[in-house]
Amino acid sequence: ADAVVTGEAGAMDAWLWQRRDDADITVTGDPAVF
């Protein structure tokens, strides 16, 4: 992957739906791709 977004399923689902912040989400890799 050019970028990896990591987190538990519940945190990721809620974050993608904009129901919680990204406190439990980490991002690595190419900033431009993310």
Full PDB file with SEQRES, HELIX, SHEET, SSBOND, CRYST1, ORIGX, SCALE, CONECT and MASTER records, all heavy atoms in Angstrom:
SEQRES   1 A   34  ALA ASP ALA VAL VAL THR GLY GLU ALA GLY ALA MET ASP          
SEQRES   2 A   34  ALA TRP LEU TRP GLN ARG ARG ASP ASP ALA ASP ILE THR          
SEQRES   3 A   34  VAL THR GLY ASP PRO ALA VAL PHE                              
HELIX    1 AA1 ALA A    9  LEU A   16  1                                   8    
SHEET    1 AA1 2 ALA A   3  THR A   6  0                                        
SHEET    2 AA1 2 THR A  26  GLY A  29 -1                                        
CRYST1    1.000    1.000    1.000  90.00  90.00  90.00 P 1           1          
ORIGX1      1.000000  0.000000  0.000000        0.00000                         
ORIGX2      0.000000  1.000000  0.000000        0.00000                         
ORIGX3      0.000000  0.000000  1.000000        0.00000                         
SCALE1      1.000000  0.000000  0.000000        0.00000                         
SCALE2      0.000000  1.000000  0.000000        0.00000                         
SCALE3      0.000000  0.000000  1.000000        0.00000                         
ATOM      1  N   ALA A   1       0.834  -1.198   0.000  1.00  0.00           N  
ATOM      2  CA  ALA A   1       0.000   0.000   0.000  1.00  0.00           C  
ATOM      3  C   ALA A   1       0.874   1.254   0.000  1.00  0.00           C  
ATOM      4  O   ALA A   1       1.939   1.287   0.613  1.00  0.00           O  
ATOM      5  CB  ALA A   1      -0.907  -0.008   1.219  1.00  0.00           C  
ATOM      6  N   ASP A   2       0.405   2.290  -0.671  1.00  0.00           N  
ATOM      7  CA  ASP A   2       1.086   3.582  -0.620  1.00  0.00           C  
ATOM      8  C   ASP A   2       0.851   4.266   0.720  1.00  0.00           C  
ATOM      9  O   ASP A   2       1.702   5.025   1.191  1.00  0.00           O  
ATOM     10  CB  ASP A   2       0.591   4.480  -1.750  1.00  0.00           C  
ATOM     11  CG  ASP A   2       0.946   3.925  -3.117  1.00  0.00           C  
ATOM     12  OD1 ASP A   2       2.080   4.141  -3.570  1.00  0.00           O  
ATOM     13  OD2 ASP A   2       0.096   3.238  -3.708  1.00  0.00           O  
ATOM     14  N   ALA A   3      -0.307   4.000   1.312  1.00  0.00           N  
ATOM     15  CA  ALA A   3      -0.636   4.541   2.629  1.00  0.00           C  
ATOM     16  C   ALA A   3      -1.487   3.512   3.359  1.00  0.00           C  
ATOM     17  O   ALA A   3      -2.278   2.791   2.736  1.00  0.00           O  
ATOM     18  CB  ALA A   3      -1.382   5.867   2.512  1.00  0.00           C  
ATOM     19  N   VAL A   4      -1.306   3.433   4.665  1.00  0.00           N  
ATOM     20  CA  VAL A   4      -2.046   2.483   5.488  1.00  0.00           C  
ATOM     21  C   VAL A   4      -2.776   3.251   6.583  1.00  0.00           C  
ATOM     22  O   VAL A   4      -2.168   4.026   7.322  1.00  0.00           O  
ATOM     23  CB  VAL A   4      -1.117   1.428   6.124  1.00  0.00           C  
ATOM     24  CG1 VAL A   4      -1.926   0.454   6.985  1.00  0.00           C  
ATOM     25  CG2 VAL A   4      -0.347   0.675   5.047  1.00  0.00           C  
ATOM     26  N   VAL A   5      -4.086   3.044   6.671  1.00  0.00           N  
ATOM     27  CA  VAL A   5      -4.928   3.641   7.707  1.00  0.00           C  
ATOM     28  C   VAL A   5      -5.299   2.513   8.658  1.00  0.00           C  
ATOM     29  O   VAL A   5      -5.907   1.526   8.243  1.00  0.00           O  
ATOM     30  CB  VAL A   5      -6.188   4.277   7.093  1.00  0.00           C  
ATOM     31  CG1 VAL A   5      -6.995   5.015   8.158  1.00  0.00           C  
ATOM     32  CG2 VAL A   5      -5.827   5.217   5.946  1.00  0.00           C  
ATOM     33  N   THR A   6      -4.944   2.644   9.927  1.00  0.00           N  
ATOM     34  CA  THR A   6      -5.039   1.537  10.876  1.00  0.00           C  
ATOM     35  C   THR A   6      -5.932   1.898  12.058  1.00  0.00           C  
ATOM     36  O   THR A   6      -5.864   3.013  12.589  1.00  0.00           O  
ATOM     37  CB  THR A   6      -3.640   1.155  11.390  1.00  0.00           C  
ATOM     38  OG1 THR A   6      -2.808   0.839  10.268  1.00  0.00           O  
ATOM     39  CG2 THR A   6      -3.705  -0.042  12.311  1.00  0.00           C  
ATOM     40  N   GLY A   7      -6.751   0.938  12.477  1.00  0.00           N  
ATOM     41  CA  GLY A   7      -7.575   1.125  13.663  1.00  0.00           C  
ATOM     42  C   GLY A   7      -8.472  -0.077  13.860  1.00  0.00           C  
ATOM     43  O   GLY A   7      -8.565  -0.967  12.997  1.00  0.00           O  
ATOM     44  N   GLU A   8      -9.130  -0.148  14.996  1.00  0.00           N  
ATOM     45  CA  GLU A   8     -10.111  -1.197  15.228  1.00  0.00           C  
ATOM     46  C   GLU A   8     -11.344  -0.943  14.361  1.00  0.00           C  
ATOM     47  O   GLU A   8     -11.629   0.189  13.966  1.00  0.00           O  
ATOM     48  CB  GLU A   8     -10.487  -1.259  16.698  1.00  0.00           C  
ATOM     49  CG  GLU A   8      -9.351  -1.731  17.591  1.00  0.00           C  
ATOM     50  CD  GLU A   8      -9.784  -1.971  19.020  1.00  0.00           C  
ATOM     51  OE1 GLU A   8     -10.939  -1.622  19.378  1.00  0.00           O  
ATOM     52  OE2 GLU A   8      -8.967  -2.525  19.800  1.00  0.00           O  
ATOM     53  N   ALA A   9     -12.094  -2.011  14.082  1.00  0.00           N  
ATOM     54  CA  ALA A   9     -13.208  -1.917  13.141  1.00  0.00           C  
ATOM     55  C   ALA A   9     -14.249  -0.886  13.574  1.00  0.00           C  
ATOM     56  O   ALA A   9     -14.715  -0.075  12.768  1.00  0.00           O  
ATOM     57  CB  ALA A   9     -13.854  -3.286  12.962  1.00  0.00           C  
ATOM     58  N   GLY A  10     -14.636  -0.908  14.846  1.00  0.00           N  
ATOM     59  CA  GLY A  10     -15.651   0.027  15.314  1.00  0.00           C  
ATOM     60  C   GLY A  10     -15.202   1.466  15.206  1.00  0.00           C  
ATOM     61  O   GLY A  10     -15.975   2.350  14.789  1.00  0.00           O  
ATOM     62  N   ALA A  11     -13.950   1.727  15.587  1.00  0.00           N  
ATOM     63  CA  ALA A  11     -13.412   3.086  15.496  1.00  0.00           C  
ATOM     64  C   ALA A  11     -13.317   3.535  14.045  1.00  0.00           C  
ATOM     65  O   ALA A  11     -13.628   4.683  13.704  1.00  0.00           O  
ATOM     66  CB  ALA A  11     -12.044   3.151  16.167  1.00  0.00           C  
ATOM     67  N   MET A  12     -12.897   2.630  13.160  1.00  0.00           N  
ATOM     68  CA  MET A  12     -12.743   2.974  11.744  1.00  0.00           C  
ATOM     69  C   MET A  12     -14.107   3.252  11.103  1.00  0.00           C  
ATOM     70  O   MET A  12     -14.268   4.238  10.363  1.00  0.00           O  
ATOM     71  CB  MET A  12     -12.041   1.841  10.998  1.00  0.00           C  
ATOM     72  CG  MET A  12     -11.659   2.165   9.563  1.00  0.00           C  
ATOM     73  SD  MET A  12     -10.159   3.167   9.438  1.00  0.00           S  
ATOM     74  CE  MET A  12      -8.905   1.903   9.793  1.00  0.00           C  
ATOM     75  N   ASP A  13     -15.092   2.401  11.378  1.00  0.00           N  
ATOM     76  CA  ASP A  13     -16.418   2.579  10.806  1.00  0.00           C  
ATOM     77  C   ASP A  13     -17.022   3.906  11.254  1.00  0.00           C  
ATOM     78  O   ASP A  13     -17.530   4.688  10.437  1.00  0.00           O  
ATOM     79  CB  ASP A  13     -17.313   1.410  11.218  1.00  0.00           C  
ATOM     80  CG  ASP A  13     -18.563   1.278  10.354  1.00  0.00           C  
ATOM     81  OD1 ASP A  13     -18.579   1.804   9.230  1.00  0.00           O  
ATOM     82  OD2 ASP A  13     -19.524   0.625  10.812  1.00  0.00           O  
ATOM     83  N   ALA A  14     -16.947   4.182  12.560  1.00  0.00           N  
ATOM     84  CA  ALA A  14     -17.502   5.425  13.087  1.00  0.00           C  
ATOM     85  C   ALA A  14     -16.767   6.643  12.530  1.00  0.00           C  
ATOM     86  O   ALA A  14     -17.388   7.665  12.228  1.00  0.00           O  
ATOM     87  CB  ALA A  14     -17.448   5.411  14.612  1.00  0.00           C  
ATOM     88  N   TRP A  15     -15.451   6.537  12.370  1.00  0.00           N  
ATOM     89  CA  TRP A  15     -14.667   7.656  11.830  1.00  0.00           C  
ATOM     90  C   TRP A  15     -15.023   7.906  10.369  1.00  0.00           C  
ATOM     91  O   TRP A  15     -15.210   9.061   9.960  1.00  0.00           O  
ATOM     92  CB  TRP A  15     -13.176   7.349  11.977  1.00  0.00           C  
ATOM     93  CG  TRP A  15     -12.280   8.325  11.279  1.00  0.00           C  
ATOM     94  CD1 TRP A  15     -12.081   9.646  11.591  1.00  0.00           C  
ATOM     95  CD2 TRP A  15     -11.457   8.066  10.128  1.00  0.00           C  
ATOM     96  NE1 TRP A  15     -11.184  10.222  10.712  1.00  0.00           N  
ATOM     97  CE2 TRP A  15     -10.781   9.273   9.807  1.00  0.00           C  
ATOM     98  CE3 TRP A  15     -11.215   6.925   9.355  1.00  0.00           C  
ATOM     99  CZ2 TRP A  15      -9.902   9.369   8.738  1.00  0.00           C  
ATOM    100  CZ3 TRP A  15     -10.336   7.018   8.290  1.00  0.00           C  
ATOM    101  CH2 TRP A  15      -9.689   8.225   7.989  1.00  0.00           C  
ATOM    102  N   LEU A  16     -15.137   6.851   9.576  1.00  0.00           N  
ATOM    103  CA  LEU A  16     -15.477   7.018   8.166  1.00  0.00           C  
ATOM    104  C   LEU A  16     -16.866   7.638   7.994  1.00  0.00           C  
ATOM    105  O   LEU A  16     -17.112   8.378   7.041  1.00  0.00           O  
ATOM    106  CB  LEU A  16     -15.399   5.674   7.438  1.00  0.00           C  
ATOM    107  CG  LEU A  16     -13.991   5.116   7.222  1.00  0.00           C  
ATOM    108  CD1 LEU A  16     -14.054   3.676   6.739  1.00  0.00           C  
ATOM    109  CD2 LEU A  16     -13.209   5.980   6.236  1.00  0.00           C  
ATOM    110  N   TRP A  17     -17.755   7.333   8.921  1.00  0.00           N  
ATOM    111  CA  TRP A  17     -19.100   7.916   8.895  1.00  0.00           C  
ATOM    112  C   TRP A  17     -19.146   9.285   9.576  1.00  0.00           C  
ATOM    113  O   TRP A  17     -20.229   9.851   9.741  1.00  0.00           O  
ATOM    114  CB  TRP A  17     -20.096   6.970   9.561  1.00  0.00           C  
ATOM    115  CG  TRP A  17     -20.634   5.915   8.649  1.00  0.00           C  
ATOM    116  CD1 TRP A  17     -20.232   4.609   8.543  1.00  0.00           C  
ATOM    117  CD2 TRP A  17     -21.702   6.068   7.719  1.00  0.00           C  
ATOM    118  NE1 TRP A  17     -20.976   3.952   7.597  1.00  0.00           N  
ATOM    119  CE2 TRP A  17     -21.881   4.827   7.072  1.00  0.00           C  
ATOM    120  CE3 TRP A  17     -22.516   7.141   7.351  1.00  0.00           C  
ATOM    121  CZ2 TRP A  17     -22.845   4.624   6.088  1.00  0.00           C  
ATOM    122  CZ3 TRP A  17     -23.488   6.939   6.368  1.00  0.00           C  
ATOM    123  CH2 TRP A  17     -23.645   5.691   5.753  1.00  0.00           C  
ATOM    124  N   GLN A  18     -17.991   9.792   9.990  1.00  0.00           N  
ATOM    125  CA  GLN A  18     -17.888  11.093  10.648  1.00  0.00           C  
ATOM    126  C   GLN A  18     -18.711  11.143  11.934  1.00  0.00           C  
ATOM    127  O   GLN A  18     -19.284  12.174  12.299  1.00  0.00           O  
ATOM    128  CB  GLN A  18     -18.295  12.225   9.692  1.00  0.00           C  
ATOM    129  CG  GLN A  18     -17.430  12.265   8.441  1.00  0.00           C  
ATOM    130  CD  GLN A  18     -17.807  13.378   7.486  1.00  0.00           C  
ATOM    131  OE1 GLN A  18     -18.401  14.359   7.883  1.00  0.00           O  
ATOM    132  NE2 GLN A  18     -17.466  13.210   6.226  1.00  0.00           N  
ATOM    133  N   ARG A  19     -18.713  10.003  12.634  1.00  0.00           N  
ATOM    134  CA  ARG A  19     -19.400   9.926  13.925  1.00  0.00           C  
ATOM    135  C   ARG A  19     -18.429   9.995  15.097  1.00  0.00           C  
ATOM    136  O   ARG A  19     -18.861  10.050  16.238  1.00  0.00           O  
ATOM    137  CB  ARG A  19     -20.209   8.636  14.012  1.00  0.00           C  
ATOM    138  CG  ARG A  19     -21.681   8.754  13.636  1.00  0.00           C  
ATOM    139  CD  ARG A  19     -21.945   9.373  12.290  1.00  0.00           C  
ATOM    140  NE  ARG A  19     -23.381   9.461  12.011  1.00  0.00           N  
ATOM    141  CZ  ARG A  19     -23.895   9.819  10.847  1.00  0.00           C  
ATOM    142  NH1 ARG A  19     -23.092  10.130   9.834  1.00  0.00           N  
ATOM    143  NH2 ARG A  19     -25.202   9.903  10.683  1.00  0.00           N  
ATOM    144  N   ARG A  20     -17.139   9.979  14.832  1.00  0.00           N  
ATOM    145  CA  ARG A  20     -16.143  10.174  15.875  1.00  0.00           C  
ATOM    146  C   ARG A  20     -14.866  10.695  15.236  1.00  0.00           C  
ATOM    147  O   ARG A  20     -14.714  10.656  14.008  1.00  0.00           O  
ATOM    148  CB  ARG A  20     -15.879   8.870  16.643  1.00  0.00           C  
ATOM    149  CG  ARG A  20     -15.283   7.748  15.828  1.00  0.00           C  
ATOM    150  CD  ARG A  20     -14.989   6.523  16.683  1.00  0.00           C  
ATOM    151  NE  ARG A  20     -13.954   6.799  17.681  1.00  0.00           N  
ATOM    152  CZ  ARG A  20     -13.607   5.930  18.636  1.00  0.00           C  
ATOM    153  NH1 ARG A  20     -14.225   4.772  18.729  1.00  0.00           N  
ATOM    154  NH2 ARG A  20     -12.654   6.228  19.488  1.00  0.00           N  
ATOM    155  N   ASP A  21     -13.955  11.184  16.091  1.00  0.00           N  
ATOM    156  CA  ASP A  21     -12.719  11.750  15.553  1.00  0.00           C  
ATOM    157  C   ASP A  21     -11.710  10.648  15.244  1.00  0.00           C  
ATOM    158  O   ASP A  21     -12.006   9.450  15.356  1.00  0.00           O  
ATOM    159  CB  ASP A  21     -12.148  12.785  16.524  1.00  0.00           C  
ATOM    160  CG  ASP A  21     -11.786  12.195  17.892  1.00  0.00           C  
ATOM    161  OD1 ASP A  21     -11.508  10.976  17.975  1.00  0.00           O  
ATOM    162  OD2 ASP A  21     -11.802  12.966  18.876  1.00  0.00           O  
ATOM    163  N   ASP A  22     -10.511  11.058  14.858  1.00  0.00           N  
ATOM    164  CA  ASP A  22      -9.485  10.104  14.435  1.00  0.00           C  
ATOM    165  C   ASP A  22      -8.497   9.775  15.550  1.00  0.00           C  
ATOM    166  O   ASP A  22      -7.379   9.333  15.274  1.00  0.00           O  
ATOM    167  CB  ASP A  22      -8.737  10.633  13.213  1.00  0.00           C  
ATOM    168  CG  ASP A  22      -8.024  11.955  13.491  1.00  0.00           C  
ATOM    169  OD1 ASP A  22      -8.148  12.491  14.610  1.00  0.00           O  
ATOM    170  OD2 ASP A  22      -7.342  12.456  12.572  1.00  0.00           O  
ATOM    171  N   ALA A  23      -8.921   9.961  16.808  1.00  0.00           N  
ATOM    172  CA  ALA A  23      -8.006   9.734  17.926  1.00  0.00           C  
ATOM    173  C   ALA A  23      -7.461   8.316  17.954  1.00  0.00           C  
ATOM    174  O   ALA A  23      -6.316   8.081  18.388  1.00  0.00           O  
ATOM    175  CB  ALA A  23      -8.700  10.062  19.252  1.00  0.00           C  
ATOM    176  N   ASP A  24      -8.246   7.338  17.506  1.00  0.00           N  
ATOM    177  CA  ASP A  24      -7.818   5.943  17.527  1.00  0.00           C  
ATOM    178  C   ASP A  24      -7.448   5.428  16.135  1.00  0.00           C  
ATOM    179  O   ASP A  24      -7.391   4.216  15.915  1.00  0.00           O  
ATOM    180  CB  ASP A  24      -8.922   5.072  18.132  1.00  0.00           C  
ATOM    181  CG  ASP A  24      -9.182   5.405  19.591  1.00  0.00           C  
ATOM    182  OD1 ASP A  24      -8.200   5.607  20.327  1.00  0.00           O  
ATOM    183  OD2 ASP A  24     -10.363   5.493  19.983  1.00  0.00           O  
ATOM    184  N   ILE A  25      -7.202   6.350  15.218  1.00  0.00           N  
ATOM    185  CA  ILE A  25      -6.825   6.003  13.846  1.00  0.00           C  
ATOM    186  C   ILE A  25      -5.399   6.495  13.599  1.00  0.00           C  
ATOM    187  O   ILE A  25      -5.061   7.633  13.929  1.00  0.00           O  
ATOM    188  CB  ILE A  25      -7.777   6.660  12.829  1.00  0.00           C  
ATOM    189  CG1 ILE A  25      -9.243   6.302  13.121  1.00  0.00           C  
ATOM    190  CG2 ILE A  25      -7.388   6.273  11.405  1.00  0.00           C  
ATOM    191  CD1 ILE A  25      -9.566   4.838  13.013  1.00  0.00           C  
ATOM    192  N   THR A  26      -4.573   5.641  13.022  1.00  0.00           N  
ATOM    193  CA  THR A  26      -3.223   6.054  12.663  1.00  0.00           C  
ATOM    194  C   THR A  26      -3.035   5.930  11.154  1.00  0.00           C  
ATOM    195  O   THR A  26      -3.644   5.069  10.504  1.00  0.00           O  
ATOM    196  CB  THR A  26      -2.153   5.215  13.378  1.00  0.00           C  
ATOM    197  OG1 THR A  26      -2.308   3.830  13.004  1.00  0.00           O  
ATOM    198  CG2 THR A  26      -2.288   5.338  14.892  1.00  0.00           C  
ATOM    199  N   VAL A  27      -2.189   6.793  10.606  1.00  0.00           N  
ATOM    200  CA  VAL A  27      -1.929   6.803   9.165  1.00  0.00           C  
ATOM    201  C   VAL A  27      -0.426   6.796   8.940  1.00  0.00           C  
ATOM    202  O   VAL A  27       0.312   7.587   9.545  1.00  0.00           O  
ATOM    203  CB  VAL A  27      -2.542   8.049   8.499  1.00  0.00           C  
ATOM    204  CG1 VAL A  27      -2.246   8.045   6.996  1.00  0.00           C  
ATOM    205  CG2 VAL A  27      -4.043   8.118   8.756  1.00  0.00           C  
ATOM    206  N   THR A  28       0.027   5.901   8.069  1.00  0.00           N  
ATOM    207  CA  THR A  28       1.430   5.851   7.675  1.00  0.00           C  
ATOM    208  C   THR A  28       1.512   5.812   6.152  1.00  0.00           C  
ATOM    209  O   THR A  28       0.555   5.438   5.471  1.00  0.00           O  
ATOM    210  CB  THR A  28       2.141   4.618   8.261  1.00  0.00           C  
ATOM    211  OG1 THR A  28       1.444   3.428   7.834  1.00  0.00           O  
ATOM    212  CG2 THR A  28       2.155   4.659   9.785  1.00  0.00           C  
ATOM    213  N   GLY A  29       2.675   6.201   5.631  1.00  0.00           N  
ATOM    214  CA  GLY A  29       2.880   6.134   4.189  1.00  0.00           C  
ATOM    215  C   GLY A  29       2.866   7.485   3.522  1.00  0.00           C  
ATOM    216  O   GLY A  29       3.154   8.509   4.155  1.00  0.00           O  
ATOM    217  N   ASP A  30       2.519   7.502   2.251  1.00  0.00           N  
ATOM    218  CA  ASP A  30       2.587   8.689   1.411  1.00  0.00           C  
ATOM    219  C   ASP A  30       1.492   9.685   1.796  1.00  0.00           C  
ATOM    220  O   ASP A  30       0.293   9.403   1.594  1.00  0.00           O  
ATOM    221  CB  ASP A  30       2.428   8.261  -0.050  1.00  0.00           C  
ATOM    222  CG  ASP A  30       2.662   9.403  -1.025  1.00  0.00           C  
ATOM    223  OD1 ASP A  30       2.536  10.572  -0.630  1.00  0.00           O  
ATOM    224  OD2 ASP A  30       2.967   9.116  -2.202  1.00  0.00           O  
ATOM    225  N   PRO A  31       1.842  10.850   2.314  1.00  0.00           N  
ATOM    226  CA  PRO A  31       0.819  11.825   2.722  1.00  0.00           C  
ATOM    227  C   PRO A  31      -0.077  12.274   1.571  1.00  0.00           C  
ATOM    228  O   PRO A  31      -1.265  12.538   1.771  1.00  0.00           O  
ATOM    229  CB  PRO A  31       1.637  12.994   3.277  1.00  0.00           C  
ATOM    230  CG  PRO A  31       2.966  12.419   3.625  1.00  0.00           C  
ATOM    231  CD  PRO A  31       3.204  11.334   2.625  1.00  0.00           C  
ATOM    232  N   ALA A  32       0.479  12.358   0.365  1.00  0.00           N  
ATOM    233  CA  ALA A  32      -0.307  12.833  -0.772  1.00  0.00           C  
ATOM    234  C   ALA A  32      -1.421  11.851  -1.119  1.00  0.00           C  
ATOM    235  O   ALA A  32      -2.534  12.262  -1.491  1.00  0.00           O  
ATOM    236  CB  ALA A  32       0.598  13.050  -1.985  1.00  0.00           C  
ATOM    237  N   VAL A  33      -1.143  10.554  -1.012  1.00  0.00           N  
ATOM    238  CA  VAL A  33      -2.160   9.542  -1.305  1.00  0.00           C  
ATOM    239  C   VAL A  33      -3.259   9.608  -0.252  1.00  0.00           C  
ATOM    240  O   VAL A  33      -4.465   9.560  -0.567  1.00  0.00           O  
ATOM    241  CB  VAL A  33      -1.527   8.141  -1.370  1.00  0.00           C  
ATOM    242  CG1 VAL A  33      -2.606   7.066  -1.503  1.00  0.00           C  
ATOM    243  CG2 VAL A  33      -0.551   8.064  -2.541  1.00  0.00           C  
ATOM    244  N   PHE A  34      -2.882   9.734   1.017  1.00  0.00           N  
ATOM    245  CA  PHE A  34      -3.900   9.843   2.056  1.00  0.00           C  
ATOM    246  C   PHE A  34      -4.688  11.138   1.931  1.00  0.00           C  
ATOM    247  O   PHE A  34      -5.911  11.156   2.142  1.00  0.00           O  
ATOM    248  CB  PHE A  34      -3.276   9.750   3.448  1.00  0.00           C  
ATOM    249  CG  PHE A  34      -4.293   9.913   4.547  1.00  0.00           C  
ATOM    250  CD1 PHE A  34      -5.285   8.960   4.744  1.00  0.00           C  
ATOM    251  CD2 PHE A  34      -4.287  11.044   5.354  1.00  0.00           C  
ATOM    252  CE1 PHE A  34      -6.242   9.116   5.739  1.00  0.00           C  
ATOM    253  CE2 PHE A  34      -5.235  11.208   6.354  1.00  0.00           C  
ATOM    254  CZ  PHE A  34      -6.212  10.236   6.553  1.00  0.00           C  
TER     255      PHE A  34                                                      
MASTER        0    0    0    1    2    0    0    6  254    1    0    3          
END                                                                             
